[in-house]
Amino acid sequence: MDDKKIKIGVLVSGNGSNFQAIVDALESGYIKNADIVCLVSNKAEAFALERAKKHNVAAIVLDHKSYPDRKLYDAALVEILKNQGVQLVVLAGFMRLLSPVMIDAFPNSIINIHPALLPAFPGLDAQKQAFEYGVRYTGCTVHFVDSGTDTGPIILQTVVPLLGTDTLETLTDRIHGEEHRTYVEAIRLFCEGRLHLEGRRVFINEQNTTIYA
């Protein structure tokens, strides 16, 4: 493994389709200067673990039920990620809120994707929230993770129109497809050192500045 590459740790709870999109981007060479060094799931039955094994990525189960509180769980998670040399933490369907223990260990180096145009419709069931509200447009948002729920600085957003023929299921499917593309692009920009954070605004530099945030 090339020590000059950004080491990525991915956190999951389920299927791992976003993880698969990131792996595909790495293997195709679209993301050139990064490696996924581990995938951690809080659920032993998560299919993402099988995806990781297929691509020779270290697959680790850390069951949150084995810990009495969120901070102790996150401390164990930090230890795993630090031992793997992780520099960028990618949440890919990780169904747990992070405590300050985790956030402080990786300042401005944890990213998440949310299936709505934040700050609209944060939290769970974002697609359903948008659909039932009757919006004309929704989409997905990649953001840095802070101590709030889906409140971190926004890196990229992709707009998905709500069509007259849409059901909640078709809308969810179209947003999910855009998630894969948008997340990959945000990770590429981070790993190329092209993201610069000023206050709440994330700027994208034309060239590598080695300033991630």
N, C-alpha and C. Protein backbone atom coordinates (compact mmCIF):
# COMPACT_ATOMS: atom_id res chain seq x y z
N MET A 1 0.84 -1.20 0.00
CA MET A 1 0.00 0.00 0.00
C MET A 1 0.88 1.26 0.00
N ASP A 2 0.50 2.22 -0.83
CA ASP A 2 1.27 3.44 -0.98
C ASP A 2 1.01 4.37 0.20
N ASP A 3 2.06 4.70 0.97
CA ASP A 3 1.91 5.55 2.14
C ASP A 3 1.52 6.97 1.78
N LYS A 4 1.71 7.37 0.52
CA LYS A 4 1.36 8.72 0.10
C LYS A 4 -0.15 8.87 -0.17
N LYS A 5 -0.84 7.77 -0.24
CA LYS A 5 -2.27 7.82 -0.52
C LYS A 5 -3.07 8.08 0.76
N ILE A 6 -4.20 8.76 0.59
CA ILE A 6 -5.11 8.99 1.71
C ILE A 6 -5.72 7.66 2.12
N LYS A 7 -5.68 7.36 3.40
CA LYS A 7 -6.24 6.11 3.90
C LYS A 7 -7.68 6.36 4.37
N ILE A 8 -8.60 5.62 3.78
CA ILE A 8 -10.02 5.80 4.03
C ILE A 8 -10.54 4.65 4.89
N GLY A 9 -11.33 5.01 5.90
CA GLY A 9 -12.08 4.02 6.67
C GLY A 9 -13.56 4.24 6.44
N VAL A 10 -14.29 3.19 6.14
CA VAL A 10 -15.72 3.29 5.82
C VAL A 10 -16.53 2.66 6.95
N LEU A 11 -17.57 3.36 7.39
CA LEU A 11 -18.46 2.86 8.43
C LEU A 11 -19.83 2.57 7.82
N VAL A 12 -20.35 1.38 8.10
CA VAL A 12 -21.61 0.94 7.48
C VAL A 12 -22.48 0.23 8.51
N SER A 13 -23.75 0.09 8.13
CA SER A 13 -24.67 -0.71 8.93
C SER A 13 -25.47 -1.70 8.09
N GLY A 14 -25.40 -1.56 6.76
CA GLY A 14 -26.28 -2.37 5.93
C GLY A 14 -25.68 -2.87 4.63
N ASN A 15 -26.37 -2.57 3.54
CA ASN A 15 -26.05 -3.15 2.23
C ASN A 15 -24.70 -2.71 1.68
N GLY A 16 -24.38 -1.44 1.82
CA GLY A 16 -23.08 -0.96 1.38
C GLY A 16 -22.98 -0.61 -0.09
N SER A 17 -24.06 -0.14 -0.69
CA SER A 17 -23.99 0.19 -2.12
C SER A 17 -23.12 1.42 -2.36
N ASN A 18 -23.12 2.37 -1.44
CA ASN A 18 -22.22 3.51 -1.58
C ASN A 18 -20.77 3.08 -1.43
N PHE A 19 -20.51 2.16 -0.51
CA PHE A 19 -19.17 1.59 -0.38
C PHE A 19 -18.74 0.96 -1.70
N GLN A 20 -19.65 0.23 -2.33
CA GLN A 20 -19.33 -0.42 -3.60
C GLN A 20 -19.00 0.62 -4.67
N ALA A 21 -19.74 1.71 -4.70
CA ALA A 21 -19.47 2.77 -5.69
C ALA A 21 -18.09 3.36 -5.48
N ILE A 22 -17.69 3.53 -4.23
CA ILE A 22 -16.36 4.08 -3.92
C ILE A 22 -15.27 3.10 -4.33
N VAL A 23 -15.47 1.82 -4.03
CA VAL A 23 -14.50 0.79 -4.43
C VAL A 23 -14.35 0.78 -5.94
N ASP A 24 -15.47 0.83 -6.65
CA ASP A 24 -15.42 0.82 -8.11
C ASP A 24 -14.65 2.02 -8.64
N ALA A 25 -14.83 3.19 -8.02
CA ALA A 25 -14.12 4.39 -8.45
C ALA A 25 -12.62 4.27 -8.20
N LEU A 26 -12.25 3.63 -7.11
CA LEU A 26 -10.83 3.41 -6.83
C LEU A 26 -10.23 2.41 -7.81
N GLU A 27 -10.93 1.34 -8.06
CA GLU A 27 -10.40 0.28 -8.93
C GLU A 27 -10.34 0.73 -10.39
N SER A 28 -11.23 1.65 -10.77
CA SER A 28 -11.21 2.16 -12.15
C SER A 28 -10.15 3.24 -12.34
N GLY A 29 -9.62 3.76 -11.23
CA GLY A 29 -8.63 4.83 -11.31
C GLY A 29 -9.23 6.22 -11.29
N TYR A 30 -10.56 6.34 -11.14
CA TYR A 30 -11.16 7.68 -11.07
C TYR A 30 -10.70 8.41 -9.82
N ILE A 31 -10.64 7.69 -8.71
CA ILE A 31 -9.99 8.20 -7.50
C ILE A 31 -8.61 7.56 -7.46
N LYS A 32 -7.57 8.37 -7.65
CA LYS A 32 -6.24 7.81 -7.86
C LYS A 32 -5.38 7.74 -6.60
N ASN A 33 -5.57 8.64 -5.69
CA ASN A 33 -4.61 8.76 -4.59
C ASN A 33 -5.23 8.44 -3.24
N ALA A 34 -5.93 7.30 -3.18
CA ALA A 34 -6.54 6.87 -1.93
C ALA A 34 -6.66 5.35 -1.91
N ASP A 35 -6.76 4.82 -0.71
CA ASP A 35 -7.03 3.40 -0.50
C ASP A 35 -8.04 3.26 0.63
N ILE A 36 -8.95 2.31 0.50
CA ILE A 36 -9.81 1.96 1.63
C ILE A 36 -9.05 0.92 2.45
N VAL A 37 -8.73 1.28 3.69
CA VAL A 37 -7.93 0.38 4.52
C VAL A 37 -8.78 -0.48 5.43
N CYS A 38 -10.04 -0.07 5.67
CA CYS A 38 -10.91 -0.91 6.48
C CYS A 38 -12.37 -0.50 6.30
N LEU A 39 -13.24 -1.45 6.55
CA LEU A 39 -14.67 -1.22 6.62
C LEU A 39 -15.14 -1.74 7.96
N VAL A 40 -15.85 -0.90 8.72
CA VAL A 40 -16.33 -1.29 10.05
C VAL A 40 -17.85 -1.23 10.05
N SER A 41 -18.47 -2.29 10.52
CA SER A 41 -19.93 -2.34 10.64
C SER A 41 -20.32 -2.60 12.09
N ASN A 42 -21.39 -1.94 12.50
CA ASN A 42 -21.93 -2.21 13.84
C ASN A 42 -22.91 -3.38 13.83
N LYS A 43 -23.12 -3.97 12.65
CA LYS A 43 -24.03 -5.11 12.53
C LYS A 43 -23.33 -6.25 11.79
N ALA A 44 -23.30 -7.41 12.42
CA ALA A 44 -22.59 -8.56 11.86
C ALA A 44 -23.23 -9.07 10.58
N GLU A 45 -24.55 -8.80 10.41
CA GLU A 45 -25.27 -9.31 9.24
C GLU A 45 -25.21 -8.36 8.05
N ALA A 46 -24.53 -7.25 8.18
CA ALA A 46 -24.47 -6.27 7.08
C ALA A 46 -23.83 -6.87 5.84
N PHE A 47 -24.50 -6.75 4.70
CA PHE A 47 -23.97 -7.31 3.45
C PHE A 47 -22.70 -6.58 3.01
N ALA A 48 -22.53 -5.35 3.47
CA ALA A 48 -21.32 -4.60 3.12
C ALA A 48 -20.05 -5.34 3.53
N LEU A 49 -20.12 -6.14 4.58
CA LEU A 49 -18.95 -6.91 5.02
C LEU A 49 -18.52 -7.90 3.94
N GLU A 50 -19.49 -8.50 3.27
CA GLU A 50 -19.17 -9.43 2.17
C GLU A 50 -18.57 -8.67 0.99
N ARG A 51 -19.08 -7.49 0.73
CA ARG A 51 -18.50 -6.67 -0.34
C ARG A 51 -17.03 -6.36 -0.04
N ALA A 52 -16.75 -6.02 1.22
CA ALA A 52 -15.38 -5.69 1.59
C ALA A 52 -14.45 -6.88 1.40
N LYS A 53 -14.88 -8.04 1.85
CA LYS A 53 -14.05 -9.25 1.72
C LYS A 53 -13.76 -9.56 0.26
N LYS A 54 -14.76 -9.35 -0.58
CA LYS A 54 -14.59 -9.61 -2.02
C LYS A 54 -13.51 -8.74 -2.63
N HIS A 55 -13.34 -7.54 -2.08
CA HIS A 55 -12.35 -6.60 -2.61
C HIS A 55 -11.11 -6.49 -1.73
N ASN A 56 -10.92 -7.48 -0.87
CA ASN A 56 -9.72 -7.56 -0.02
C ASN A 56 -9.55 -6.34 0.88
N VAL A 57 -10.68 -5.83 1.36
CA VAL A 57 -10.67 -4.74 2.34
C VAL A 57 -10.93 -5.35 3.71
N ALA A 58 -10.13 -4.96 4.70
CA ALA A 58 -10.32 -5.48 6.05
C ALA A 58 -11.74 -5.20 6.53
N ALA A 59 -12.49 -6.26 6.87
CA ALA A 59 -13.88 -6.14 7.29
C ALA A 59 -13.98 -6.43 8.78
N ILE A 60 -14.45 -5.44 9.52
CA ILE A 60 -14.44 -5.52 10.98
C ILE A 60 -15.85 -5.29 11.52
N VAL A 61 -16.27 -6.14 12.44
CA VAL A 61 -17.55 -5.97 13.12
C VAL A 61 -17.30 -5.40 14.51
N LEU A 62 -17.94 -4.29 14.81
CA LEU A 62 -17.87 -3.70 16.15
C LEU A 62 -19.31 -3.45 16.59
N ASP A 63 -19.84 -4.39 17.34
CA ASP A 63 -21.26 -4.39 17.73
C ASP A 63 -21.50 -3.33 18.81
N HIS A 64 -22.34 -2.37 18.51
CA HIS A 64 -22.61 -1.31 19.48
C HIS A 64 -23.33 -1.84 20.72
N LYS A 65 -23.99 -2.98 20.60
CA LYS A 65 -24.70 -3.55 21.74
C LYS A 65 -23.75 -4.08 22.81
N SER A 66 -22.49 -4.21 22.46
CA SER A 66 -21.50 -4.70 23.42
C SER A 66 -20.94 -3.59 24.31
N TYR A 67 -21.40 -2.36 24.08
CA TYR A 67 -20.88 -1.22 24.83
C TYR A 67 -22.01 -0.52 25.59
N PRO A 68 -21.75 -0.09 26.82
CA PRO A 68 -22.82 0.49 27.64
C PRO A 68 -23.29 1.86 27.20
N ASP A 69 -22.43 2.59 26.47
CA ASP A 69 -22.87 3.91 26.01
C ASP A 69 -22.15 4.28 24.72
N ARG A 70 -22.63 5.36 24.13
CA ARG A 70 -22.13 5.79 22.82
C ARG A 70 -20.66 6.21 22.86
N LYS A 71 -20.25 6.86 23.94
CA LYS A 71 -18.87 7.34 24.03
C LYS A 71 -17.87 6.19 24.09
N LEU A 72 -18.20 5.16 24.83
CA LEU A 72 -17.29 4.00 24.92
C LEU A 72 -17.23 3.27 23.58
N TYR A 73 -18.36 3.18 22.92
CA TYR A 73 -18.36 2.57 21.59
C TYR A 73 -17.49 3.37 20.63
N ASP A 74 -17.68 4.67 20.63
CA ASP A 74 -16.91 5.52 19.73
C ASP A 74 -15.42 5.49 20.05
N ALA A 75 -15.07 5.35 21.32
CA ALA A 75 -13.65 5.25 21.69
C ALA A 75 -13.03 4.00 21.09
N ALA A 76 -13.78 2.90 21.11
CA ALA A 76 -13.30 1.66 20.49
C ALA A 76 -13.19 1.82 18.97
N LEU A 77 -14.14 2.53 18.40
CA LEU A 77 -14.13 2.78 16.96
C LEU A 77 -12.93 3.63 16.57
N VAL A 78 -12.66 4.66 17.34
CA VAL A 78 -11.50 5.52 17.08
C VAL A 78 -10.21 4.70 17.14
N GLU A 79 -10.11 3.81 18.11
CA GLU A 79 -8.90 3.00 18.23
C GLU A 79 -8.67 2.14 17.00
N ILE A 80 -9.74 1.54 16.49
CA ILE A 80 -9.63 0.71 15.29
C ILE A 80 -9.17 1.56 14.10
N LEU A 81 -9.81 2.69 13.91
CA LEU A 81 -9.50 3.54 12.76
C LEU A 81 -8.09 4.12 12.85
N LYS A 82 -7.69 4.54 14.03
CA LYS A 82 -6.34 5.08 14.21
C LYS A 82 -5.29 3.99 13.98
N ASN A 83 -5.57 2.79 14.44
CA ASN A 83 -4.62 1.68 14.23
C ASN A 83 -4.45 1.35 12.75
N GLN A 84 -5.48 1.63 11.97
CA GLN A 84 -5.41 1.41 10.52
C GLN A 84 -4.83 2.62 9.78
N GLY A 85 -4.53 3.68 10.51
CA GLY A 85 -3.96 4.88 9.89
C GLY A 85 -4.95 5.70 9.11
N VAL A 86 -6.23 5.58 9.44
CA VAL A 86 -7.29 6.26 8.67
C VAL A 86 -7.15 7.79 8.77
N GLN A 87 -7.28 8.43 7.62
CA GLN A 87 -7.24 9.89 7.52
C GLN A 87 -8.58 10.49 7.13
N LEU A 88 -9.41 9.71 6.46
CA LEU A 88 -10.74 10.16 6.06
C LEU A 88 -11.74 9.08 6.45
N VAL A 89 -12.75 9.47 7.21
CA VAL A 89 -13.80 8.55 7.62
C VAL A 89 -15.03 8.82 6.77
N VAL A 90 -15.52 7.78 6.11
CA VAL A 90 -16.67 7.89 5.21
C VAL A 90 -17.84 7.12 5.82
N LEU A 91 -18.92 7.82 6.09
CA LEU A 91 -20.13 7.17 6.58
C LEU A 91 -20.96 6.75 5.38
N ALA A 92 -21.19 5.45 5.27
CA ALA A 92 -21.91 4.91 4.11
C ALA A 92 -23.10 4.08 4.61
N GLY A 93 -24.11 4.79 5.09
CA GLY A 93 -25.25 4.10 5.68
C GLY A 93 -24.95 3.60 7.07
N PHE A 94 -24.20 4.38 7.83
CA PHE A 94 -23.89 4.03 9.22
C PHE A 94 -24.99 4.62 10.09
N MET A 95 -25.82 3.77 10.66
CA MET A 95 -27.04 4.21 11.32
C MET A 95 -26.83 4.50 12.80
N ARG A 96 -25.81 5.30 13.07
CA ARG A 96 -25.55 5.71 14.45
C ARG A 96 -25.08 7.16 14.46
N LEU A 97 -25.54 7.91 15.45
CA LEU A 97 -25.03 9.26 15.63
C LEU A 97 -23.66 9.18 16.30
N LEU A 98 -22.75 10.04 15.86
CA LEU A 98 -21.40 10.04 16.40
C LEU A 98 -21.31 11.00 17.58
N SER A 99 -20.58 10.58 18.61
CA SER A 99 -20.36 11.42 19.79
C SER A 99 -19.15 12.31 19.55
N PRO A 100 -18.92 13.30 20.42
CA PRO A 100 -17.73 14.13 20.32
C PRO A 100 -16.42 13.34 20.37
N VAL A 101 -16.45 12.17 20.98
CA VAL A 101 -15.24 11.32 21.03
C VAL A 101 -14.76 11.01 19.61
N MET A 102 -15.68 10.68 18.75
CA MET A 102 -15.35 10.35 17.36
C MET A 102 -15.07 11.62 16.55
N ILE A 103 -15.91 12.60 16.70
CA ILE A 103 -15.78 13.82 15.89
C ILE A 103 -14.48 14.55 16.21
N ASP A 104 -14.11 14.61 17.49
CA ASP A 104 -12.89 15.30 17.89
C ASP A 104 -11.63 14.55 17.44
N ALA A 105 -11.75 13.24 17.26
CA ALA A 105 -10.59 12.44 16.83
C ALA A 105 -10.28 12.64 15.36
N PHE A 106 -11.29 13.03 14.57
CA PHE A 106 -11.11 13.23 13.12
C PHE A 106 -11.73 14.57 12.70
N PRO A 107 -11.16 15.68 13.16
CA PRO A 107 -11.76 16.99 12.86
C PRO A 107 -11.79 17.28 11.36
N ASN A 108 -12.96 17.63 10.87
CA ASN A 108 -13.14 17.96 9.44
C ASN A 108 -12.65 16.86 8.52
N SER A 109 -12.71 15.64 9.00
CA SER A 109 -12.26 14.49 8.21
C SER A 109 -13.25 13.34 8.28
N ILE A 110 -14.50 13.65 8.63
CA ILE A 110 -15.59 12.68 8.58
C ILE A 110 -16.64 13.25 7.63
N ILE A 111 -17.04 12.45 6.64
CA ILE A 111 -18.05 12.93 5.71
C ILE A 111 -19.22 11.95 5.65
N ASN A 112 -20.36 12.50 5.28
CA ASN A 112 -21.60 11.72 5.23
C ASN A 112 -22.39 12.14 4.00
N ILE A 113 -23.24 11.24 3.53
CA ILE A 113 -24.17 11.61 2.45
C ILE A 113 -25.59 11.46 2.97
N HIS A 114 -26.40 12.47 2.65
CA HIS A 114 -27.79 12.51 3.12
C HIS A 114 -28.71 12.61 1.92
N PRO A 115 -29.81 11.84 1.88
CA PRO A 115 -30.69 11.79 0.71
C PRO A 115 -31.72 12.92 0.65
N ALA A 116 -31.25 14.16 0.79
CA ALA A 116 -32.09 15.35 0.64
C ALA A 116 -31.16 16.54 0.45
N LEU A 117 -31.74 17.67 0.09
CA LEU A 117 -30.97 18.90 -0.06
C LEU A 117 -30.95 19.63 1.27
N LEU A 118 -29.96 19.34 2.08
CA LEU A 118 -29.85 20.00 3.38
C LEU A 118 -29.71 21.51 3.20
N PRO A 119 -30.24 22.30 4.14
CA PRO A 119 -30.73 21.89 5.46
C PRO A 119 -32.17 21.39 5.49
N ALA A 120 -32.81 21.23 4.33
CA ALA A 120 -34.17 20.69 4.32
C ALA A 120 -34.16 19.20 4.62
N PHE A 121 -35.11 18.75 5.37
CA PHE A 121 -35.38 17.34 5.64
C PHE A 121 -34.18 16.57 6.21
N PRO A 122 -33.66 17.02 7.33
CA PRO A 122 -32.59 16.26 8.00
C PRO A 122 -33.17 15.03 8.70
N GLY A 123 -32.27 14.17 9.20
CA GLY A 123 -32.72 13.02 9.98
C GLY A 123 -33.18 11.86 9.12
N LEU A 124 -33.98 10.98 9.73
CA LEU A 124 -34.42 9.75 9.07
C LEU A 124 -35.52 10.00 8.05
N ASP A 125 -35.63 9.07 7.09
CA ASP A 125 -36.71 9.07 6.09
C ASP A 125 -36.78 10.38 5.31
N ALA A 126 -35.62 10.87 4.91
CA ALA A 126 -35.57 12.16 4.22
C ALA A 126 -36.33 12.14 2.90
N GLN A 127 -36.24 11.03 2.16
CA GLN A 127 -36.95 10.94 0.89
C GLN A 127 -38.46 11.01 1.12
N LYS A 128 -38.92 10.32 2.14
CA LYS A 128 -40.35 10.34 2.47
C LYS A 128 -40.79 11.72 2.91
N GLN A 129 -39.95 12.38 3.71
CA GLN A 129 -40.28 13.74 4.14
C GLN A 129 -40.47 14.66 2.94
N ALA A 130 -39.54 14.60 2.00
CA ALA A 130 -39.60 15.47 0.82
C ALA A 130 -40.79 15.12 -0.06
N PHE A 131 -41.02 13.83 -0.25
CA PHE A 131 -42.12 13.38 -1.10
C PHE A 131 -43.46 13.83 -0.53
N GLU A 132 -43.65 13.63 0.76
CA GLU A 132 -44.93 13.98 1.38
C GLU A 132 -45.12 15.49 1.48
N TYR A 133 -44.02 16.23 1.54
CA TYR A 133 -44.11 17.69 1.58
C TYR A 133 -44.55 18.25 0.23
N GLY A 134 -44.24 17.48 -0.83
CA GLY A 134 -44.63 17.92 -2.17
C GLY A 134 -43.64 18.86 -2.82
N VAL A 135 -42.35 18.70 -2.52
CA VAL A 135 -41.35 19.57 -3.11
C VAL A 135 -41.27 19.38 -4.62
N ARG A 136 -40.78 20.36 -5.32
CA ARG A 136 -40.53 20.24 -6.75
C ARG A 136 -39.17 19.58 -6.99
N TYR A 137 -38.24 19.86 -6.08
CA TYR A 137 -36.88 19.34 -6.22
C TYR A 137 -36.37 18.84 -4.86
N THR A 138 -35.67 17.75 -4.90
CA THR A 138 -34.94 17.25 -3.74
C THR A 138 -33.59 16.76 -4.26
N GLY A 139 -32.95 15.84 -3.58
CA GLY A 139 -31.66 15.37 -4.08
C GLY A 139 -30.84 14.73 -2.98
N CYS A 140 -29.53 15.00 -3.00
CA CYS A 140 -28.63 14.44 -1.99
C CYS A 140 -27.53 15.45 -1.68
N THR A 141 -26.97 15.31 -0.48
CA THR A 141 -25.98 16.25 0.03
C THR A 141 -24.82 15.49 0.66
N VAL A 142 -23.60 15.82 0.28
CA VAL A 142 -22.42 15.33 0.98
C VAL A 142 -21.94 16.46 1.88
N HIS A 143 -21.70 16.13 3.15
CA HIS A 143 -21.31 17.17 4.11
C HIS A 143 -20.30 16.64 5.10
N PHE A 144 -19.52 17.56 5.66
CA PHE A 144 -18.68 17.21 6.80
C PHE A 144 -19.60 16.95 8.00
N VAL A 145 -19.16 16.07 8.87
CA VAL A 145 -19.96 15.72 10.04
C VAL A 145 -19.52 16.57 11.23
N ASP A 146 -20.50 17.18 11.89
CA ASP A 146 -20.24 17.90 13.13
C ASP A 146 -21.12 17.31 14.23
N SER A 147 -21.27 18.00 15.32
CA SER A 147 -21.98 17.45 16.47
C SER A 147 -23.50 17.44 16.32
N GLY A 148 -24.02 18.09 15.29
CA GLY A 148 -25.46 18.10 15.07
C GLY A 148 -25.90 16.96 14.18
N THR A 149 -27.20 16.90 13.91
CA THR A 149 -27.76 15.89 13.02
C THR A 149 -27.88 16.47 11.62
N ASP A 150 -26.98 16.07 10.74
CA ASP A 150 -26.97 16.53 9.34
C ASP A 150 -26.81 18.05 9.25
N THR A 151 -25.97 18.60 10.11
CA THR A 151 -25.80 20.06 10.16
C THR A 151 -24.42 20.53 9.72
N GLY A 152 -23.52 19.62 9.34
CA GLY A 152 -22.16 20.00 9.01
C GLY A 152 -22.05 20.75 7.69
N PRO A 153 -20.91 21.42 7.46
CA PRO A 153 -20.69 22.18 6.23
C PRO A 153 -20.88 21.32 4.98
N ILE A 154 -21.54 21.90 4.00
CA ILE A 154 -21.92 21.17 2.79
C ILE A 154 -20.78 21.18 1.77
N ILE A 155 -20.45 20.00 1.27
CA ILE A 155 -19.39 19.85 0.27
C ILE A 155 -19.98 19.87 -1.15
N LEU A 156 -20.93 18.99 -1.42
CA LEU A 156 -21.56 18.91 -2.74
C LEU A 156 -23.04 18.60 -2.57
N GLN A 157 -23.84 19.08 -3.52
CA GLN A 157 -25.25 18.72 -3.58
C GLN A 157 -25.64 18.41 -5.02
N THR A 158 -26.55 17.46 -5.19
CA THR A 158 -27.08 17.13 -6.49
C THR A 158 -28.60 17.20 -6.43
N VAL A 159 -29.18 17.88 -7.39
CA VAL A 159 -30.62 18.09 -7.42
C VAL A 159 -31.31 16.95 -8.18
N VAL A 160 -32.39 16.45 -7.61
CA VAL A 160 -33.23 15.44 -8.26
C VAL A 160 -34.66 15.98 -8.27
N PRO A 161 -35.27 16.15 -9.46
CA PRO A 161 -36.63 16.67 -9.51
C PRO A 161 -37.64 15.61 -9.07
N LEU A 162 -38.71 16.07 -8.45
CA LEU A 162 -39.83 15.18 -8.13
C LEU A 162 -40.78 15.21 -9.32
N LEU A 163 -40.88 14.09 -10.01
CA LEU A 163 -41.70 14.01 -11.22
C LEU A 163 -43.15 13.71 -10.87
N GLY A 164 -44.04 14.10 -11.76
CA GLY A 164 -45.45 13.84 -11.53
C GLY A 164 -45.79 12.37 -11.45
N THR A 165 -44.97 11.55 -12.09
CA THR A 165 -45.21 10.10 -12.10
C THR A 165 -44.50 9.38 -10.96
N ASP A 166 -43.75 10.12 -10.15
CA ASP A 166 -42.96 9.48 -9.10
C ASP A 166 -43.82 8.87 -8.01
N THR A 167 -43.39 7.72 -7.55
CA THR A 167 -43.81 7.18 -6.26
C THR A 167 -42.65 7.40 -5.30
N LEU A 168 -42.89 7.16 -4.03
CA LEU A 168 -41.79 7.27 -3.08
C LEU A 168 -40.66 6.33 -3.46
N GLU A 169 -41.00 5.15 -3.95
CA GLU A 169 -39.98 4.16 -4.32
C GLU A 169 -39.16 4.62 -5.52
N THR A 170 -39.79 5.17 -6.55
CA THR A 170 -39.02 5.59 -7.73
C THR A 170 -38.16 6.80 -7.41
N LEU A 171 -38.69 7.70 -6.59
CA LEU A 171 -37.90 8.86 -6.18
C LEU A 171 -36.68 8.42 -5.38
N THR A 172 -36.88 7.51 -4.45
CA THR A 172 -35.79 7.00 -3.62
C THR A 172 -34.72 6.35 -4.49
N ASP A 173 -35.13 5.58 -5.49
CA ASP A 173 -34.18 4.91 -6.37
C ASP A 173 -33.35 5.93 -7.16
N ARG A 174 -33.99 6.99 -7.65
CA ARG A 174 -33.25 7.98 -8.44
C ARG A 174 -32.29 8.78 -7.57
N ILE A 175 -32.71 9.10 -6.35
CA ILE A 175 -31.79 9.77 -5.43
C ILE A 175 -30.61 8.87 -5.10
N HIS A 176 -30.89 7.60 -4.89
CA HIS A 176 -29.82 6.67 -4.53
C HIS A 176 -28.78 6.58 -5.64
N GLY A 177 -29.23 6.58 -6.87
CA GLY A 177 -28.29 6.55 -7.99
C GLY A 177 -27.40 7.77 -8.01
N GLU A 178 -27.96 8.94 -7.70
CA GLU A 178 -27.16 10.16 -7.66
C GLU A 178 -26.22 10.19 -6.46
N GLU A 179 -26.62 9.54 -5.37
CA GLU A 179 -25.74 9.46 -4.21
C GLU A 179 -24.40 8.85 -4.59
N HIS A 180 -24.42 7.77 -5.34
CA HIS A 180 -23.18 7.07 -5.70
C HIS A 180 -22.23 8.01 -6.43
N ARG A 181 -22.75 8.72 -7.41
CA ARG A 181 -21.91 9.62 -8.21
C ARG A 181 -21.41 10.80 -7.36
N THR A 182 -22.30 11.38 -6.58
CA THR A 182 -21.96 12.58 -5.82
C THR A 182 -20.96 12.27 -4.71
N TYR A 183 -21.14 11.14 -4.04
CA TYR A 183 -20.22 10.76 -2.95
C TYR A 183 -18.82 10.49 -3.49
N VAL A 184 -18.76 9.78 -4.59
CA VAL A 184 -17.46 9.50 -5.22
C VAL A 184 -16.74 10.79 -5.57
N GLU A 185 -17.48 11.75 -6.11
CA GLU A 185 -16.86 13.02 -6.51
C GLU A 185 -16.34 13.78 -5.29
N ALA A 186 -17.11 13.80 -4.21
CA ALA A 186 -16.67 14.50 -3.00
C ALA A 186 -15.42 13.85 -2.41
N ILE A 187 -15.38 12.55 -2.42
CA ILE A 187 -14.20 11.83 -1.90
C ILE A 187 -12.98 12.11 -2.76
N ARG A 188 -13.19 12.13 -4.07
CA ARG A 188 -12.07 12.45 -4.97
C ARG A 188 -11.51 13.83 -4.67
N LEU A 189 -12.38 14.81 -4.49
CA LEU A 189 -11.94 16.18 -4.21
C LEU A 189 -11.18 16.24 -2.88
N PHE A 190 -11.69 15.56 -1.86
CA PHE A 190 -10.99 15.55 -0.57
C PHE A 190 -9.61 14.94 -0.73
N CYS A 191 -9.53 13.81 -1.39
CA CYS A 191 -8.25 13.10 -1.50
C CYS A 191 -7.25 13.82 -2.40
N GLU A 192 -7.74 14.69 -3.27
CA GLU A 192 -6.86 15.51 -4.10
C GLU A 192 -6.46 16.80 -3.39
N GLY A 193 -6.92 16.98 -2.15
CA GLY A 193 -6.57 18.17 -1.39
C GLY A 193 -7.20 19.44 -1.93
N ARG A 194 -8.38 19.33 -2.50
CA ARG A 194 -9.00 20.48 -3.17
C ARG A 194 -10.13 21.12 -2.38
N LEU A 195 -10.38 20.63 -1.18
CA LEU A 195 -11.44 21.21 -0.35
C LEU A 195 -10.84 22.14 0.69
N HIS A 196 -11.43 23.32 0.80
CA HIS A 196 -10.96 24.32 1.76
C HIS A 196 -12.16 24.87 2.52
N LEU A 197 -12.11 24.82 3.84
CA LEU A 197 -13.22 25.20 4.68
C LEU A 197 -12.98 26.56 5.32
N GLU A 198 -13.91 27.49 5.11
CA GLU A 198 -13.87 28.79 5.76
C GLU A 198 -15.22 29.01 6.43
N GLY A 199 -15.22 28.96 7.77
CA GLY A 199 -16.49 29.02 8.48
C GLY A 199 -17.33 27.81 8.11
N ARG A 200 -18.53 28.07 7.61
CA ARG A 200 -19.40 26.99 7.17
C ARG A 200 -19.31 26.73 5.68
N ARG A 201 -18.53 27.50 4.96
CA ARG A 201 -18.47 27.34 3.51
C ARG A 201 -17.30 26.47 3.09
N VAL A 202 -17.60 25.53 2.21
CA VAL A 202 -16.56 24.66 1.66
C VAL A 202 -16.26 25.13 0.24
N PHE A 203 -15.00 25.50 0.01
CA PHE A 203 -14.57 25.94 -1.32
C PHE A 203 -13.81 24.82 -2.00
N ILE A 204 -14.01 24.74 -3.32
CA ILE A 204 -13.32 23.72 -4.12
C ILE A 204 -12.25 24.41 -4.95
N ASN A 205 -11.01 24.09 -4.67
CA ASN A 205 -9.88 24.69 -5.38
C ASN A 205 -9.64 23.97 -6.70
N GLU A 206 -9.14 24.71 -7.68
CA GLU A 206 -8.88 24.12 -8.99
C GLU A 206 -7.71 23.15 -8.96
N GLN A 207 -6.74 23.42 -8.07
CA GLN A 207 -5.56 22.57 -7.99
C GLN A 207 -5.36 22.08 -6.56
N ASN A 208 -4.54 21.05 -6.44
CA ASN A 208 -4.23 20.48 -5.14
C ASN A 208 -3.56 21.50 -4.24
N THR A 209 -4.15 21.71 -3.07
CA THR A 209 -3.55 22.64 -2.11
C THR A 209 -3.08 21.93 -0.85
N THR A 210 -3.39 20.64 -0.76
CA THR A 210 -3.12 19.78 0.41
C THR A 210 -3.79 20.31 1.67
N ILE A 211 -4.76 21.23 1.50
CA ILE A 211 -5.55 21.71 2.64
C ILE A 211 -6.91 21.05 2.56
N TYR A 212 -7.15 20.10 3.44
CA TYR A 212 -8.42 19.37 3.38
C TYR A 212 -9.54 20.12 4.07
N ALA A 213 -9.19 20.86 5.11
CA ALA A 213 -10.24 21.63 5.78
C ALA A 213 -9.56 22.59 6.75
